[in-house]
Amino acid sequence: MENTENIIPEEQPTSSDTTEAAAPLSELEQKSAELEALKAKHLYLVAEFENFKRRNAKERIELIQTAGKEVIQSLLDVMDDCDRAQKQLEASATDPALKEGLLLVFNKLRNTLQLRGLKAMETLHAEFNADLHEAITEIPAPSEALKGKILDEVIKGYYLNDKIIRHAKVVVGN
């Protein structure tokens, strides 16, 4: 017969041992969940920062493009005077050298402003658009084709880098 006294029974885990083994596993899961949450937060912050940089760059470009807007708007009255003076010069019989000199100055002013992004609106015989034009009055259209179209331009409208800085004041046919 066998001697049972020398046999050492295998250790059976007690209930306290199983809770200690389960605790590190749940702690691992908890740390893993925290890590995932921190990764998501980090990605969100990186995306938000990229959006901020893009928005900031766009605003900076717009600011640079329209930095001289007030100065250019104040020069629009001078441009109107130049246009009226040019029409008078062409209609009068003044000295050709004087006429040429004044036209050079007027063209230089126009070209300088165009280089800064100023562009005149083309309005004559165009369809009336309330977003671009300001109707001063309506007159009977000379033909059926000109109804609802612009017949005369009282004050020119201008764009600065594709943004309206002054609406054209026009006469519309009805």
Protein backbone atom coordinates (compact mmCIF):
# COMPACT_ATOMS: atom_id res chain seq x y z
CA MET A 1 0.00 0.00 0.00
CA GLU A 2 0.94 3.43 -0.65
CA ASN A 3 1.93 5.83 1.91
CA THR A 4 -0.46 8.76 1.71
CA GLU A 5 1.31 10.80 4.26
CA ASN A 6 4.17 11.70 1.97
CA ILE A 7 1.98 12.88 -0.86
CA ILE A 8 1.66 16.58 -0.99
CA PRO A 9 -1.61 17.63 -2.48
CA GLU A 10 -1.54 20.13 -5.30
CA GLU A 11 -2.33 23.57 -4.18
CA GLN A 12 -5.79 24.61 -5.08
CA PRO A 13 -6.32 28.31 -5.56
CA THR A 14 -8.38 29.83 -2.90
CA SER A 15 -10.99 32.47 -3.49
CA SER A 16 -8.60 35.22 -2.35
CA ASP A 17 -6.03 34.09 -4.98
CA THR A 18 -8.56 34.37 -7.84
CA THR A 19 -9.48 37.93 -6.98
CA GLU A 20 -5.82 38.93 -6.95
CA ALA A 21 -5.33 37.41 -10.44
CA ALA A 22 -8.47 39.11 -11.78
CA ALA A 23 -7.49 42.48 -10.34
CA PRO A 24 -4.36 42.93 -12.53
CA LEU A 25 -6.39 42.00 -15.59
CA SER A 26 -9.04 44.62 -14.89
CA GLU A 27 -6.29 47.14 -14.09
CA LEU A 28 -4.72 46.36 -17.47
CA GLU A 29 -8.05 46.89 -19.18
CA GLN A 30 -8.52 50.12 -17.29
CA LYS A 31 -5.09 51.43 -18.34
CA SER A 32 -5.78 50.37 -21.91
CA ALA A 33 -9.07 52.29 -21.90
CA GLU A 34 -7.30 55.35 -20.46
CA LEU A 35 -4.66 55.08 -23.18
CA GLU A 36 -7.34 54.93 -25.90
CA ALA A 37 -9.10 57.95 -24.39
CA LEU A 38 -5.84 59.91 -24.31
CA LYS A 39 -5.09 58.93 -27.92
CA ALA A 40 -8.54 60.13 -29.03
CA LYS A 41 -8.09 63.39 -27.12
CA HIS A 42 -4.68 63.88 -28.70
CA LEU A 43 -6.04 63.30 -32.22
CA TYR A 44 -8.88 65.74 -31.54
CA LEU A 45 -6.44 68.41 -30.33
CA VAL A 46 -4.14 67.88 -33.32
CA ALA A 47 -7.09 68.21 -35.73
CA GLU A 48 -8.33 71.31 -33.93
CA PHE A 49 -4.88 72.88 -34.09
CA GLU A 50 -4.61 72.13 -37.83
CA ASN A 51 -8.00 73.79 -38.38
CA PHE A 52 -6.83 76.79 -36.37
CA LYS A 53 -3.66 77.12 -38.46
CA ARG A 54 -5.60 76.84 -41.72
CA ARG A 55 -8.21 79.39 -40.59
CA ASN A 56 -5.49 81.74 -39.35
CA ALA A 57 -3.60 81.53 -42.66
CA LYS A 58 -6.79 82.21 -44.61
CA GLU A 59 -7.61 85.24 -42.46
CA ARG A 60 -4.06 86.54 -42.86
CA ILE A 61 -4.28 86.26 -46.66
CA GLU A 62 -7.64 88.08 -46.67
CA LEU A 63 -6.24 90.79 -44.44
CA ILE A 64 -3.25 91.31 -46.71
CA GLN A 65 -5.46 91.41 -49.81
CA THR A 66 -7.81 93.99 -48.35
CA ALA A 67 -5.32 95.94 -46.25
CA GLY A 68 -5.62 99.08 -48.35
CA LYS A 69 -9.37 98.83 -48.83
CA GLU A 70 -10.14 102.15 -47.12
CA VAL A 71 -7.46 104.00 -49.08
CA ILE A 72 -8.64 102.51 -52.38
CA GLN A 73 -12.27 103.33 -51.55
CA SER A 74 -11.32 106.94 -50.95
CA LEU A 75 -9.49 107.00 -54.30
CA LEU A 76 -12.62 105.83 -56.15
CA ASP A 77 -13.96 109.40 -56.08
CA VAL A 78 -10.69 110.54 -57.68
CA MET A 79 -11.13 107.83 -60.33
CA ASP A 80 -14.65 109.13 -61.06
CA ASP A 81 -13.26 112.65 -61.46
CA CYS A 82 -10.56 111.33 -63.79
CA ASP A 83 -13.18 109.60 -65.95
CA ARG A 84 -15.26 112.80 -66.18
CA ALA A 85 -12.17 114.89 -66.96
CA GLN A 86 -11.13 112.42 -69.67
CA LYS A 87 -14.55 112.69 -71.33
CA GLN A 88 -14.28 116.49 -71.28
CA LEU A 89 -10.74 116.39 -72.69
CA GLU A 90 -11.82 114.15 -75.56
CA ALA A 91 -14.74 116.45 -76.38
CA SER A 92 -12.77 119.70 -76.21
CA ALA A 93 -10.17 121.10 -78.58
CA THR A 94 -7.33 121.55 -76.11
CA ASP A 95 -3.61 121.27 -76.72
CA PRO A 96 -2.78 117.67 -77.81
CA ALA A 97 0.34 117.59 -75.60
CA LEU A 98 -1.70 118.62 -72.55
CA LYS A 99 -4.37 116.07 -73.41
CA GLU A 100 -1.76 113.32 -73.79
CA GLY A 101 -0.07 114.24 -70.50
CA LEU A 102 -3.31 114.15 -68.56
CA LEU A 103 -4.33 110.85 -70.13
CA LEU A 104 -0.97 109.35 -69.11
CA VAL A 105 -1.55 110.42 -65.50
CA PHE A 106 -5.11 109.04 -65.51
CA ASN A 107 -3.97 105.72 -67.00
CA LYS A 108 -1.11 105.46 -64.51
CA LEU A 109 -3.57 105.89 -61.63
CA ARG A 110 -5.90 103.23 -63.11
CA ASN A 111 -3.04 100.78 -63.71
CA THR A 112 -1.64 101.26 -60.21
CA LEU A 113 -5.01 100.54 -58.64
CA GLN A 114 -5.52 97.53 -60.92
CA LEU A 115 -2.21 96.11 -59.73
CA ARG A 116 -3.57 96.37 -56.17
CA GLY A 117 -6.61 94.28 -57.17
CA LEU A 118 -9.14 96.93 -58.19
CA LYS A 119 -11.40 95.99 -61.07
CA ALA A 120 -14.27 97.97 -62.59
CA MET A 121 -17.66 96.31 -63.08
CA GLU A 122 -18.94 95.83 -66.60
CA THR A 123 -22.56 96.93 -66.38
CA LEU A 124 -23.87 98.43 -69.63
CA HIS A 125 -26.51 96.25 -71.29
CA ALA A 126 -26.02 93.59 -68.61
CA GLU A 127 -28.93 92.04 -66.74
CA PHE A 128 -29.83 93.99 -63.60
CA ASN A 129 -28.63 92.19 -60.46
CA ALA A 130 -29.63 93.68 -57.09
CA ASP A 131 -26.57 92.09 -55.44
CA LEU A 132 -24.21 94.03 -57.72
CA HIS A 133 -26.15 97.09 -58.82
CA GLU A 134 -28.14 99.85 -57.21
CA ALA A 135 -30.99 101.07 -59.41
CA ILE A 136 -31.36 104.82 -59.26
CA THR A 137 -34.26 105.00 -61.68
CA GLU A 138 -36.14 103.11 -64.36
CA ILE A 139 -36.86 104.44 -67.81
CA PRO A 140 -38.79 102.96 -70.73
CA ALA A 141 -36.56 100.59 -72.67
CA PRO A 142 -35.94 101.58 -76.31
CA SER A 143 -36.44 97.97 -77.40
CA GLU A 144 -37.97 94.80 -76.00
CA ALA A 145 -34.51 93.20 -75.71
CA LEU A 146 -33.32 95.89 -73.28
CA LYS A 147 -36.13 95.44 -70.75
CA GLY A 148 -34.67 94.58 -67.33
CA LYS A 149 -31.19 95.48 -68.55
CA ILE A 150 -28.93 98.34 -67.57
CA LEU A 151 -29.18 101.26 -69.97
CA ASP A 152 -26.86 103.76 -68.29
CA GLU A 153 -24.24 103.76 -65.56
CA VAL A 154 -24.32 106.81 -63.30
CA ILE A 155 -21.52 105.72 -60.95
CA LYS A 156 -19.18 102.80 -61.68
CA GLY A 157 -19.04 99.82 -59.38
CA TYR A 158 -15.75 98.24 -58.36
CA TYR A 159 -14.38 94.94 -57.09
CA LEU A 160 -11.31 94.64 -54.88
CA ASN A 161 -9.87 91.13 -55.21
CA ASP A 162 -13.27 89.78 -56.34
CA LYS A 163 -15.15 91.40 -53.44
CA ILE A 164 -17.51 94.29 -54.09
CA ILE A 165 -16.29 97.51 -52.54
CA ARG A 166 -18.77 99.80 -54.33
CA HIS A 167 -22.05 98.92 -56.01
CA ALA A 168 -22.72 100.39 -59.42
CA LYS A 169 -25.48 103.00 -59.55
CA VAL A 170 -27.42 102.38 -62.73
CA VAL A 171 -30.49 103.22 -64.80
CA VAL A 172 -32.62 100.20 -65.70
CA GLY A 173 -34.99 99.80 -68.65
CA ASN A 174 -38.54 98.62 -68.04
